[in-house]
């Protein structure tokens, strides 16, 4: 009989108190871990966005270089054309113009190879940017899902706390009723 009255008063045995305290500690630890995980994901997302901005700046610089090289190539092509026309009219200067033309062609080849290398770099950077964007989108979706899980978990915890408070209140009411009787 005393055990029933004690239970109605809200008194719990030591074992019950330990179980309830253990549940509260576990739920609190889960919430702390969820918060830590969320902070790590947000930090990673900021890093990816910063790296994406750096890649965009580098790509812009390379595009400017490419335009400069295209201008140089056009100038060299024009110079080669003028040298070829001049070759027909000047037999004596033929050897000098052939050497100059060969040098210009070598320079053109070198610049074209350099340009091809930089074009490959631009494509690689564009691919990297695309990968980063996809990764960022995926991480944002993961963050959203994780946030939704955290919100649901917080609601569940609040519901548990409300339920425990309600039980406690009911027990106090039952104890008062028993005392009145």
Protein backbone atom coordinates (compact mmCIF):
# COMPACT_ATOMS: atom_id res chain seq x y z
CA UNK A 1 0.00 0.00 0.00
CA UNK A 2 2.80 2.45 0.92
CA UNK A 3 4.48 1.71 -2.39
CA UNK A 4 1.33 2.69 -4.30
CA UNK A 5 0.94 5.89 -2.26
CA UNK A 6 4.64 6.74 -2.82
CA UNK A 7 4.26 6.12 -6.54
CA UNK A 8 1.17 8.36 -6.68
CA UNK A 9 3.06 11.10 -4.85
CA UNK A 10 5.62 11.02 -7.62
CA UNK A 11 8.24 9.40 -5.46
CA UNK A 12 10.36 7.09 -7.50
CA UNK A 13 12.64 4.35 -6.41
CA UNK A 14 16.35 4.96 -6.82
CA UNK A 15 16.38 2.61 -9.76
CA UNK A 16 13.57 4.53 -11.50
CA UNK A 17 15.32 7.84 -10.81
CA UNK A 18 18.55 6.46 -12.29
CA UNK A 19 16.72 5.24 -15.40
CA UNK A 20 15.02 8.64 -15.91
CA UNK A 21 18.30 10.49 -15.32
CA UNK A 22 20.08 8.17 -17.73
CA UNK A 23 17.40 8.84 -20.38
CA UNK A 24 17.79 12.62 -19.92
CA UNK A 25 21.60 12.35 -20.19
CA UNK A 26 21.37 10.20 -23.35
CA UNK A 27 18.93 12.56 -25.04
CA UNK A 28 21.09 15.57 -24.09
CA UNK A 29 24.21 13.86 -25.47
CA UNK A 30 22.39 13.06 -28.72
CA UNK A 31 21.31 16.68 -29.08
CA UNK A 32 24.87 17.93 -28.43
CA UNK A 33 26.26 15.51 -31.05
CA UNK A 34 23.66 16.64 -33.60
CA UNK A 35 24.63 20.27 -33.00
CA UNK A 36 28.35 19.45 -33.39
CA UNK A 37 27.69 17.54 -36.63
CA UNK A 38 25.67 20.47 -37.99
CA UNK A 39 28.47 22.93 -37.19
CA UNK A 40 31.02 20.72 -38.99
CA UNK A 41 28.83 20.47 -42.08
CA UNK A 42 28.29 24.26 -42.17
CA UNK A 43 32.04 24.91 -41.83
CA UNK A 44 32.76 22.48 -44.68
CA UNK A 45 30.16 24.22 -46.84
CA UNK A 46 31.77 27.63 -46.25
CA UNK A 47 35.17 26.19 -47.26
CA UNK A 48 33.77 24.79 -50.48
CA UNK A 49 32.17 28.14 -51.35
CA UNK A 50 35.45 29.99 -50.72
CA UNK A 51 37.37 27.53 -52.89
CA UNK A 52 34.78 27.98 -55.64
CA UNK A 53 35.27 31.76 -55.54
CA UNK A 54 39.06 31.33 -55.82
CA UNK A 55 38.66 29.04 -58.81
CA UNK A 56 36.37 31.58 -60.49
CA UNK A 57 38.95 34.35 -59.99
CA UNK A 58 41.69 32.11 -61.44
CA UNK A 59 39.51 31.21 -64.41
CA UNK A 60 38.84 34.90 -65.12
CA UNK A 61 42.59 35.61 -65.11
CA UNK A 62 43.28 32.74 -67.49
CA UNK A 63 40.55 33.94 -69.85
CA UNK A 64 42.23 37.37 -69.97
CA UNK A 65 45.57 35.69 -70.75
CA UNK A 66 43.92 33.68 -73.52
CA UNK A 67 42.58 36.85 -75.12
CA UNK A 68 46.06 38.38 -74.96
CA UNK A 69 47.56 35.31 -76.62
CA UNK A 70 44.92 35.39 -79.34
CA UNK A 71 45.90 38.98 -80.12
CA UNK A 72 49.57 38.01 -80.27
CA UNK A 73 48.73 35.09 -82.56
CA UNK A 74 46.75 37.36 -84.87
CA UNK A 75 49.66 39.80 -85.00
CA UNK A 76 52.09 37.00 -85.77
CA UNK A 77 49.80 35.61 -88.49
CA UNK A 78 49.59 39.08 -90.06
CA UNK A 79 53.35 39.46 -89.90
CA UNK A 80 53.87 36.07 -91.58
CA UNK A 81 51.47 37.03 -94.37
CA UNK A 82 53.29 40.32 -95.00
CA UNK A 83 56.65 38.56 -94.97
CA UNK A 84 55.45 36.02 -97.57
CA UNK A 85 54.27 38.79 -99.95
CA UNK A 86 57.53 40.65 -99.51
CA UNK A 87 59.48 37.46 -100.33
CA UNK A 88 58.16 37.42 -103.91
CA UNK A 89 59.34 40.97 -104.61
CA UNK A 90 62.77 40.74 -102.91
CA UNK A 91 64.98 37.89 -103.91
CA UNK A 92 68.00 39.13 -101.93
CA UNK A 93 66.07 39.32 -98.67
CA UNK A 94 64.62 35.87 -99.27
CA UNK A 95 66.94 34.04 -96.89
CA UNK A 96 66.44 36.53 -94.05
CA UNK A 97 62.67 36.44 -94.47
CA UNK A 98 62.63 32.61 -94.51
CA UNK A 99 64.59 32.55 -91.25
CA UNK A 100 62.31 35.19 -89.70
CA UNK A 101 59.23 33.28 -90.89
CA UNK A 102 60.54 30.05 -89.38
CA UNK A 103 61.22 31.83 -86.09
CA UNK A 104 57.76 33.32 -86.08
CA UNK A 105 56.21 29.92 -86.83
CA UNK A 106 58.14 28.40 -83.95
CA UNK A 107 56.95 31.21 -81.69
CA UNK A 108 53.42 30.71 -82.95
CA UNK A 109 53.64 26.97 -82.28
CA UNK A 110 54.99 27.63 -78.78
CA UNK A 111 52.21 30.11 -78.05
CA UNK A 112 49.56 27.77 -79.48
CA UNK A 113 50.88 24.95 -77.29
CA UNK A 114 50.84 27.26 -74.30
CA UNK A 115 47.32 28.37 -75.25
CA UNK A 116 46.21 24.73 -75.59
CA UNK A 117 47.64 24.05 -72.14
CA UNK A 118 45.76 26.99 -70.67
CA UNK A 119 42.56 25.97 -72.47
CA UNK A 120 42.94 22.53 -70.87
CA UNK A 121 43.43 24.28 -67.52
CA UNK A 122 40.26 26.32 -68.07
CA UNK A 123 38.29 23.16 -68.88
CA UNK A 124 39.74 21.45 -65.81
CA UNK A 125 38.80 24.45 -63.67
CA UNK A 126 35.32 24.52 -65.15
CA UNK A 127 34.95 20.80 -64.41
CA UNK A 128 36.21 21.37 -60.87
CA UNK A 129 33.75 24.25 -60.45
CA UNK A 130 30.93 22.03 -61.66
CA UNK A 131 32.01 19.28 -59.27
CA UNK A 132 32.20 21.77 -56.42
CA UNK A 133 28.77 23.15 -57.27
CA UNK A 134 27.32 19.62 -57.34
CA UNK A 135 29.12 18.83 -54.09
CA UNK A 136 27.83 22.06 -52.56
CA UNK A 137 24.28 21.29 -53.62
CA UNK A 138 24.59 17.77 -52.23
CA UNK A 139 26.01 19.08 -48.96
CA UNK A 140 23.22 21.66 -48.75
CA UNK A 141 20.67 18.88 -49.19
CA UNK A 142 22.46 16.84 -46.52
CA UNK A 143 22.48 19.85 -44.21
CA UNK A 144 18.76 20.36 -44.78
CA UNK A 145 18.00 16.71 -44.12
CA UNK A 146 20.22 16.76 -41.05
CA UNK A 147 18.54 19.95 -39.84
CA UNK A 148 15.10 18.38 -40.35
CA UNK A 149 16.23 15.34 -38.35
CA UNK A 150 17.50 17.60 -35.58
CA UNK A 151 14.23 19.55 -35.51
CA UNK A 152 12.23 16.32 -35.36
CA UNK A 153 14.48 15.00 -32.61
CA UNK A 154 14.09 18.25 -30.64
CA UNK A 155 10.31 18.03 -31.00
CA UNK A 156 10.37 14.42 -29.82
CA UNK A 157 12.45 15.43 -26.80
CA UNK A 158 10.08 18.29 -26.01
CA UNK A 159 7.15 15.88 -26.27
CA UNK A 160 8.90 13.48 -23.88
CA UNK A 161 9.55 16.30 -21.40
CA UNK A 162 5.92 17.43 -21.67
CA UNK A 163 4.74 13.85 -21.11
CA UNK A 164 6.95 13.45 -18.01
CA UNK A 165 5.72 16.79 -16.60
CA UNK A 166 2.13 15.73 -17.26
CA UNK A 167 2.69 12.40 -15.47
CA UNK A 168 4.26 14.21 -12.56
CA UNK A 169 1.33 16.64 -12.35
CA UNK A 170 -1.17 13.77 -12.47
CA UNK A 171 0.66 11.97 -9.69
CA UNK A 172 0.65 15.10 -7.52
CA UNK A 173 -3.07 15.46 -8.15
CA UNK A 174 -3.66 11.81 -7.24
CA UNK A 175 -1.64 12.26 -4.04
CA UNK A 176 -3.71 15.29 -3.07
CA UNK A 177 -6.90 13.33 -3.75
CA UNK A 178 -5.64 10.45 -1.62
CA UNK A 179 -4.74 12.82 1.20
CA UNK A 180 -8.19 14.42 1.05
CA UNK A 181 -9.85 10.99 1.32
